[in-house]
């Protein structure tokens, strides 16, 4: 049985990581969370619209006389600058989160393979030992495994 990852993390390391995350939140106290439904109703800036926003900012700065009196060019400038600066933070954060997600994936894959092996062994043991039968029945309730097409064709079972 191959292992994708073999690692342990201490409670101290988890605590330190959470503290560092809290420190980041304190450095960026203006960060907000917007409900998904509200996000769908807003027009946002993506990679392709960076130049559009930049040109609009240039236009607002150079030709302010054509804008409504209520338009706040300085707020527009702050918003555009904030997006740019936050991307500098987001890229390494996204890479870190992807590594955390991939590590969770690897460890959970390893754990499921091990659990499947234990389940198969316990099923066999339950035929010989009644005390194992209750455990197998509980495991069976929670066992969900869709056989891959290859496994179905070859008759392999977990």
Protein backbone atom coordinates (compact mmCIF):
# COMPACT_ATOMS: atom_id res chain seq x y z
CA UNK A 1 0.00 0.00 0.00
CA UNK A 2 1.55 3.30 -1.10
CA UNK A 3 1.46 6.36 1.08
CA UNK A 4 1.05 9.80 -0.50
CA UNK A 5 2.23 11.54 2.68
CA UNK A 6 3.55 10.67 6.10
CA UNK A 7 3.57 13.57 8.52
CA UNK A 8 2.37 14.71 11.91
CA UNK A 9 1.52 18.17 13.19
CA UNK A 10 1.79 19.19 16.81
CA UNK A 11 -0.82 21.12 18.74
CA UNK A 12 1.87 23.76 19.23
CA UNK A 13 2.34 24.13 15.46
CA UNK A 14 -1.44 24.40 14.96
CA UNK A 15 -1.63 27.04 17.68
CA UNK A 16 1.26 29.00 16.18
CA UNK A 17 -0.29 28.83 12.70
CA UNK A 18 -3.63 30.10 14.06
CA UNK A 19 -1.83 32.91 15.85
CA UNK A 20 -0.08 33.91 12.62
CA UNK A 21 -3.42 33.87 10.78
CA UNK A 22 -4.88 36.10 13.51
CA UNK A 23 -1.88 38.41 13.11
CA UNK A 24 -2.64 38.67 9.38
CA UNK A 25 -6.26 39.53 10.17
CA UNK A 26 -5.05 42.26 12.52
CA UNK A 27 -2.73 43.63 9.81
CA UNK A 28 -5.72 43.77 7.44
CA UNK A 29 -8.62 44.82 9.68
CA UNK A 30 -10.61 46.13 6.71
CA UNK A 31 -11.11 42.65 5.20
CA UNK A 32 -14.79 41.77 4.88
CA UNK A 33 -16.94 38.75 4.05
CA UNK A 34 -19.76 39.19 1.53
CA UNK A 35 -22.61 36.69 1.23
CA UNK A 36 -22.53 34.66 -1.99
CA UNK A 37 -25.92 35.95 -3.13
CA UNK A 38 -24.74 39.53 -2.87
CA UNK A 39 -21.56 38.72 -4.81
CA UNK A 40 -23.63 37.50 -7.75
CA UNK A 41 -25.33 40.88 -8.05
CA UNK A 42 -22.08 42.88 -8.23
CA UNK A 43 -19.88 43.64 -11.21
CA UNK A 44 -16.30 42.90 -10.27
CA UNK A 45 -12.83 43.33 -11.60
CA UNK A 46 -11.08 40.28 -13.01
CA UNK A 47 -7.74 39.74 -14.69
CA UNK A 48 -9.03 40.98 -18.05
CA UNK A 49 -10.51 44.18 -16.62
CA UNK A 50 -7.34 45.43 -14.90
CA UNK A 51 -6.42 47.57 -17.89
CA UNK A 52 -10.03 48.79 -18.20
CA UNK A 53 -10.01 50.01 -14.60
CA UNK A 54 -6.57 51.55 -15.07
CA UNK A 55 -7.73 53.49 -18.14
CA UNK A 56 -10.90 54.60 -16.35
CA UNK A 57 -8.81 55.84 -13.42
CA UNK A 58 -6.59 57.77 -15.82
CA UNK A 59 -9.71 59.26 -17.41
CA UNK A 60 -11.21 60.18 -14.04
CA UNK A 61 -7.96 61.83 -12.96
CA UNK A 62 -7.37 63.76 -16.19
CA UNK A 63 -10.93 64.67 -17.14
CA UNK A 64 -12.71 65.09 -13.82
CA UNK A 65 -14.80 67.93 -15.24
CA UNK A 66 -16.86 65.39 -17.21
CA UNK A 67 -17.78 63.29 -14.18
CA UNK A 68 -20.80 63.76 -11.93
CA UNK A 69 -20.06 66.03 -8.96
CA UNK A 70 -20.88 63.12 -6.64
CA UNK A 71 -18.17 60.91 -8.20
CA UNK A 72 -15.28 60.42 -5.76
CA UNK A 73 -12.08 60.07 -7.79
CA UNK A 74 -9.94 59.62 -4.69
CA UNK A 75 -12.11 56.71 -3.48
CA UNK A 76 -11.85 55.16 -6.95
CA UNK A 77 -8.06 55.53 -6.78
CA UNK A 78 -7.99 53.91 -3.30
CA UNK A 79 -10.16 50.97 -4.47
CA UNK A 80 -7.98 50.31 -7.53
CA UNK A 81 -4.78 50.53 -5.47
CA UNK A 82 -6.22 48.22 -2.79
CA UNK A 83 -7.07 45.57 -5.39
CA UNK A 84 -3.53 45.74 -6.75
CA UNK A 85 -1.90 45.50 -3.32
CA UNK A 86 -4.17 42.69 -2.11
CA UNK A 87 -3.23 40.60 -5.17
CA UNK A 88 0.35 40.74 -3.88
CA UNK A 89 -0.88 38.99 -0.73
CA UNK A 90 -3.49 36.75 -2.35
CA UNK A 91 -1.12 34.92 -4.68
CA UNK A 92 1.10 33.44 -1.94
CA UNK A 93 -1.95 32.85 0.30
CA UNK A 94 -3.69 30.96 -2.50
CA UNK A 95 -0.55 28.87 -3.05
CA UNK A 96 -0.42 28.09 0.68
CA UNK A 97 -4.12 27.17 0.76
CA UNK A 98 -3.66 24.95 -2.29
CA UNK A 99 -0.80 23.16 -0.51
CA UNK A 100 -2.96 22.72 2.60
CA UNK A 101 -5.82 21.37 0.45
CA UNK A 102 -3.50 19.00 -1.44
CA UNK A 103 -2.01 17.75 1.82
CA UNK A 104 -5.50 17.16 3.25
CA UNK A 105 -6.34 15.32 0.02
CA UNK A 106 -3.24 13.13 0.26
CA UNK A 107 -3.68 12.33 3.95
CA UNK A 108 -7.41 11.61 3.52
CA UNK A 109 -6.68 9.36 0.55
CA UNK A 110 -4.12 7.47 2.63
CA UNK A 111 -6.56 7.25 5.56
CA UNK A 112 -9.38 5.95 3.35
CA UNK A 113 -7.12 3.30 1.80
CA UNK A 114 -6.11 2.19 5.28
CA UNK A 115 -9.72 2.23 6.51
CA UNK A 116 -10.79 0.13 3.51
CA UNK A 117 -8.06 -2.39 4.29
CA UNK A 118 -9.17 -2.53 7.95
CA UNK A 119 -12.80 -2.95 6.85
CA UNK A 120 -11.93 -5.86 4.54
CA UNK A 121 -9.91 -7.52 7.31
CA UNK A 122 -12.65 -6.97 9.89
CA UNK A 123 -15.30 -8.39 7.52
CA UNK A 124 -13.27 -11.58 7.27
CA UNK A 125 -12.66 -11.61 11.04
CA UNK A 126 -16.39 -11.11 11.77
CA UNK A 127 -17.13 -14.46 10.13
CA UNK A 128 -14.91 -16.12 12.73
CA UNK A 129 -15.31 -13.81 15.74
CA UNK A 130 -18.75 -12.58 16.84
CA UNK A 131 -17.23 -9.75 18.90
CA UNK A 132 -15.98 -8.11 15.68
CA UNK A 133 -19.40 -8.36 13.99
CA UNK A 134 -20.85 -5.25 15.72
CA UNK A 135 -17.89 -3.14 14.59
CA UNK A 136 -18.29 -4.40 11.01
CA UNK A 137 -22.02 -3.61 11.06
CA UNK A 138 -21.28 -0.04 12.20
CA UNK A 139 -18.55 0.32 9.59
CA UNK A 140 -20.87 -1.05 6.91
CA UNK A 141 -23.42 1.72 7.66
CA UNK A 142 -20.76 4.32 6.97
CA UNK A 143 -18.96 2.54 4.15
CA UNK A 144 -19.47 4.28 0.84
CA UNK A 145 -17.33 3.32 -2.07
CA UNK A 146 -18.21 3.56 -5.71
CA UNK A 147 -16.23 1.08 -7.69
CA UNK A 148 -14.30 2.52 -10.56
CA UNK A 149 -15.13 1.19 -14.01
CA UNK A 150 -11.86 -0.77 -14.03
CA UNK A 151 -12.63 -2.32 -10.64
CA UNK A 152 -16.13 -3.24 -11.81
CA UNK A 153 -14.72 -4.89 -14.94
CA UNK A 154 -12.06 -6.85 -13.06
CA UNK A 155 -14.29 -7.69 -10.12
CA UNK A 156 -11.97 -5.95 -7.64
CA UNK A 157 -13.73 -4.83 -4.48
CA UNK A 158 -12.56 -2.74 -1.58
